[in-house]
Protein backbone atom coordinates (compact mmCIF):
# COMPACT_ATOMS: atom_id res chain seq x y z
CA MET A 1 71.41 32.22 87.05
CA THR A 2 70.46 31.67 90.61
CA ARG A 3 72.18 33.37 93.07
CA ALA A 4 73.77 29.76 94.18
CA ARG A 5 74.66 28.89 90.83
CA LEU A 6 76.47 31.90 90.56
CA VAL A 7 78.05 31.77 93.60
CA ALA A 8 79.37 27.91 92.93
CA LEU A 9 80.19 29.13 89.53
CA GLY A 10 82.59 32.00 90.96
CA ALA A 11 83.77 29.42 93.57
CA ALA A 12 84.76 26.97 90.65
CA LEU A 13 86.75 29.84 88.90
CA ALA A 14 88.52 31.04 91.49
CA ALA A 15 89.47 27.67 93.32
CA LEU A 16 91.32 26.77 89.96
CA LEU A 17 93.30 30.24 90.90
CA ALA A 18 93.29 31.02 94.33
CA ALA A 19 96.71 29.39 94.92
CA GLY A 20 97.66 32.67 92.69
CA CYS A 21 95.30 35.31 93.61
CA GLY A 22 98.31 36.92 96.22
CA ASP A 23 99.23 38.70 93.51
CA ASP A 24 95.59 39.91 92.46
CA ASP A 25 95.26 43.82 93.09
CA ASP A 26 91.44 43.29 91.76
CA ASP A 27 89.13 44.95 94.35
CA GLY A 28 85.87 43.70 93.11
CA GLY A 29 83.55 41.01 94.64
CA SER A 30 83.95 42.19 98.22
CA PHE A 31 80.65 41.10 98.77
CA ILE A 32 82.12 37.26 99.82
CA GLY A 33 84.59 37.71 102.92
CA SER A 34 86.20 35.68 105.72
CA SER A 35 84.05 34.76 108.57
CA ASP A 36 84.43 32.56 111.40
CA ALA A 37 83.80 28.85 110.74
CA PRO A 38 81.15 27.08 112.94
CA TYR A 39 83.64 23.82 112.88
CA GLU A 40 86.65 22.96 113.94
CA VAL A 41 89.51 20.72 112.49
CA THR A 42 92.84 19.35 113.01
CA LEU A 43 95.18 20.19 109.61
CA PRO A 44 97.69 17.29 108.73
CA ASP A 45 101.34 17.95 109.14
CA GLY A 46 102.29 20.50 106.61
CA TRP A 47 99.01 22.49 106.17
CA THR A 48 98.64 25.57 107.48
CA GLU A 49 95.41 27.98 107.59
CA PRO A 50 97.06 31.09 105.76
CA GLY A 51 96.45 34.56 107.62
CA ASP A 52 93.06 36.91 106.91
CA GLU A 53 95.00 38.78 104.59
CA GLN A 54 95.49 35.91 102.07
CA LYS A 55 91.48 35.06 102.70
CA ASP A 56 90.34 38.04 102.11
CA LEU A 57 92.50 38.13 98.62
CA ILE A 58 90.89 34.55 97.48
CA ALA A 59 87.38 35.77 98.88
CA LYS A 60 87.58 38.97 97.00
CA SER A 61 88.84 36.34 93.67
CA ILE A 62 85.47 34.38 94.41
CA GLY A 63 83.44 37.78 94.46
CA ALA A 64 85.14 39.27 91.25
CA ALA A 65 84.44 35.94 89.48
CA VAL A 66 80.65 35.86 90.75
CA GLU A 67 80.27 39.29 89.40
CA SER A 68 82.07 38.55 86.26
CA ALA A 69 79.90 35.56 85.69
CA ALA A 70 76.78 37.68 86.48
CA ASP A 71 78.14 40.56 84.33
CA GLN A 72 76.64 43.10 87.42
CA GLU A 73 77.51 44.29 90.77
CA LEU A 74 75.88 42.04 93.22
CA ASP A 75 75.04 41.94 97.12
CA VAL A 76 74.57 38.58 97.96
CA PRO A 77 74.14 38.70 101.67
CA GLY A 78 75.09 35.30 104.08
CA VAL A 79 77.85 33.75 101.53
CA THR A 80 81.38 33.71 102.60
CA LEU A 81 84.63 31.73 102.48
CA ALA A 82 84.48 30.09 105.79
CA SER A 83 87.95 28.58 105.44
CA PHE A 84 90.87 28.43 103.43
CA TRP A 85 93.78 25.74 104.17
CA SER A 86 96.84 24.97 102.45
CA GLU A 87 99.99 22.40 101.99
CA GLY A 88 102.67 25.13 102.87
CA GLU A 89 102.90 28.16 101.28
CA PRO A 90 99.87 28.79 98.60
CA THR A 91 101.13 28.29 95.22
CA PRO A 92 99.49 26.41 92.09
CA GLU A 93 101.70 23.66 92.69
CA ARG A 94 100.50 23.05 96.16
CA PRO A 95 97.01 21.40 97.08
CA SER A 96 94.67 23.76 98.75
CA ILE A 97 91.24 23.70 100.04
CA ILE A 98 88.49 26.01 100.38
CA VAL A 99 85.53 25.96 102.17
CA ILE A 100 82.42 28.41 101.41
CA ARG A 101 79.64 28.53 102.97
CA GLU A 102 76.11 29.59 101.98
CA PRO A 103 72.16 29.56 102.69
CA VAL A 104 71.02 26.91 100.80
CA PRO A 105 67.70 28.75 98.47
CA GLU A 106 64.33 27.97 99.79
CA ASP A 107 63.36 26.39 96.55
CA ALA A 108 66.01 24.05 96.43
CA SER A 109 66.82 20.78 98.07
CA ASP A 110 70.34 19.39 99.21
CA GLU A 111 70.38 17.29 96.04
CA GLN A 112 69.37 20.12 93.64
CA PHE A 113 72.30 22.07 95.14
CA VAL A 114 74.57 19.48 94.58
CA GLN A 115 73.12 18.68 90.85
CA ALA A 116 73.57 22.51 90.11
CA SER A 117 77.04 22.42 91.28
CA ILE A 118 78.01 19.68 89.02
CA ARG A 119 76.12 21.02 85.86
CA ASN A 120 77.91 24.16 86.75
CA ALA A 121 81.19 22.95 86.50
CA GLU A 122 80.63 21.01 83.41
CA ARG A 123 79.34 24.39 81.61
CA ILE A 124 82.05 26.45 83.12
CA PHE A 125 85.10 24.19 81.79
CA GLY A 126 83.43 22.79 78.94
CA ASP A 127 86.55 21.68 76.57
CA ALA A 128 88.66 22.78 79.63
CA LEU A 129 87.98 19.71 81.22
CA THR A 130 90.58 16.76 80.55
CA GLU A 131 89.03 14.23 83.39
CA PRO A 132 85.05 14.61 83.17
CA VAL A 133 82.98 14.57 86.49
CA THR A 134 82.74 11.70 88.23
CA THR A 135 80.92 10.97 91.56
CA VAL A 136 82.93 9.93 94.48
CA ASN A 137 81.82 7.68 97.48
CA GLY A 138 83.42 7.45 101.04
CA VAL A 139 83.69 11.01 101.73
CA GLU A 140 82.07 11.32 105.26
CA VAL A 141 81.92 14.22 108.13
CA GLU A 142 80.83 12.89 111.62
CA GLY A 143 79.99 9.26 110.02
CA GLN A 144 77.92 10.98 107.37
CA GLU A 145 78.50 10.31 103.71
CA LEU A 146 78.66 13.50 101.42
CA PRO A 147 77.96 14.27 98.26
CA ALA A 148 81.35 14.24 96.14
CA PHE A 149 82.32 14.64 92.84
CA ASP A 150 86.01 14.78 91.23
CA TYR A 151 87.08 16.78 87.97
CA THR A 152 90.54 17.62 86.15
CA ALA A 153 90.70 21.14 84.22
CA SER A 154 93.06 22.67 81.99
CA ILE A 155 93.28 26.67 82.32
CA ASP A 156 96.67 27.79 82.08
CA VAL A 157 97.57 25.01 84.53
CA THR A 158 96.18 21.26 84.95
CA LEU A 159 94.76 20.97 88.39
CA ALA A 160 92.51 18.36 89.59
CA LYS A 161 89.65 19.03 91.73
CA ARG A 162 87.51 17.26 94.39
CA VAL A 163 84.19 19.09 95.65
CA ALA A 164 82.29 17.93 98.86
CA PHE A 165 78.85 19.30 100.37
CA VAL A 166 78.03 19.29 104.16
CA PHE A 167 74.33 20.46 104.83
CA ARG A 168 73.44 22.05 108.56
CA ASP A 169 70.60 24.09 109.70
CA GLY A 170 69.79 25.28 105.73
CA GLU A 171 72.94 25.87 104.72
CA ALA A 172 75.67 24.39 102.60
CA TYR A 173 79.59 24.40 102.77
CA THR A 174 80.97 23.68 99.62
CA ILE A 175 84.44 22.29 100.43
CA THR A 176 86.64 22.43 97.07
CA LEU A 177 90.27 20.78 97.04
CA THR A 178 92.52 21.92 93.86
CA SER A 179 95.64 19.72 93.62
CA PRO A 180 98.30 19.26 90.53
CA PRO A 181 97.33 15.92 89.25
CA ASP A 182 100.22 14.33 90.36
CA ALA A 183 99.60 15.32 93.95
CA PHE A 184 95.79 14.39 93.73
CA ASP A 185 95.94 10.96 95.60
CA GLY A 186 97.87 12.52 98.62
CA ALA A 187 95.83 15.34 99.08
CA THR A 188 92.61 13.77 98.91
CA ALA A 189 94.01 11.61 101.71
CA ASP A 190 94.79 14.64 103.37
CA LEU A 191 91.22 15.65 103.03
CA ASP A 192 89.91 12.74 104.20
CA GLU A 193 91.87 13.24 107.19
CA ILE A 194 90.80 16.89 108.10
CA LEU A 195 87.10 15.72 107.40
CA ALA A 196 87.76 12.94 109.92
CA SER A 197 88.42 15.74 112.74
CA TRP A 198 85.78 17.71 111.54
CA SER A 199 83.36 18.72 114.58
CA TRP A 200 80.85 21.62 114.95
CA ASN A 201 81.49 24.33 117.58
CA ALA A 202 77.96 24.06 118.90
């Protein structure tokens, strides 16, 4: 499995569990760490950016999932948890958003990157998908429509997800919103508001 597919797999798994990762003492997967994002956003009322400790825990959960999928320890340079935002205190009952930043492999186009992510979601969750992967239109950053898709999966808890991709300077920013299904409409509206405020630092 390619590095990009492993990272997408790990992010998909960890995003389902990210809100509960504060209880995770696993030290694995530390090759993915927090970083300063090269963009700024304005968060809606009620949304916060948890501190570095919480972000580091989420980064470790993603890294551990990637290494588990690969069944080996990995050194994956250039892959970072760029942002983590939560509607209030992070819990499985509250929407949250993670942004993973990574280089696009030289042999892959942006479209191939997106399609690999969709296939990974379908492969990873399989029978756990309670709503199939569907393409979403109208998700934008700085007036540019982003590739995006939705799905719902049930592993211990049922959570709805929206995944969108921003590509810039050879890097992919995979934006994953995770929400309880009954809060999903409001969460996607908040995501749209966040993306509408997105601006690059340089």
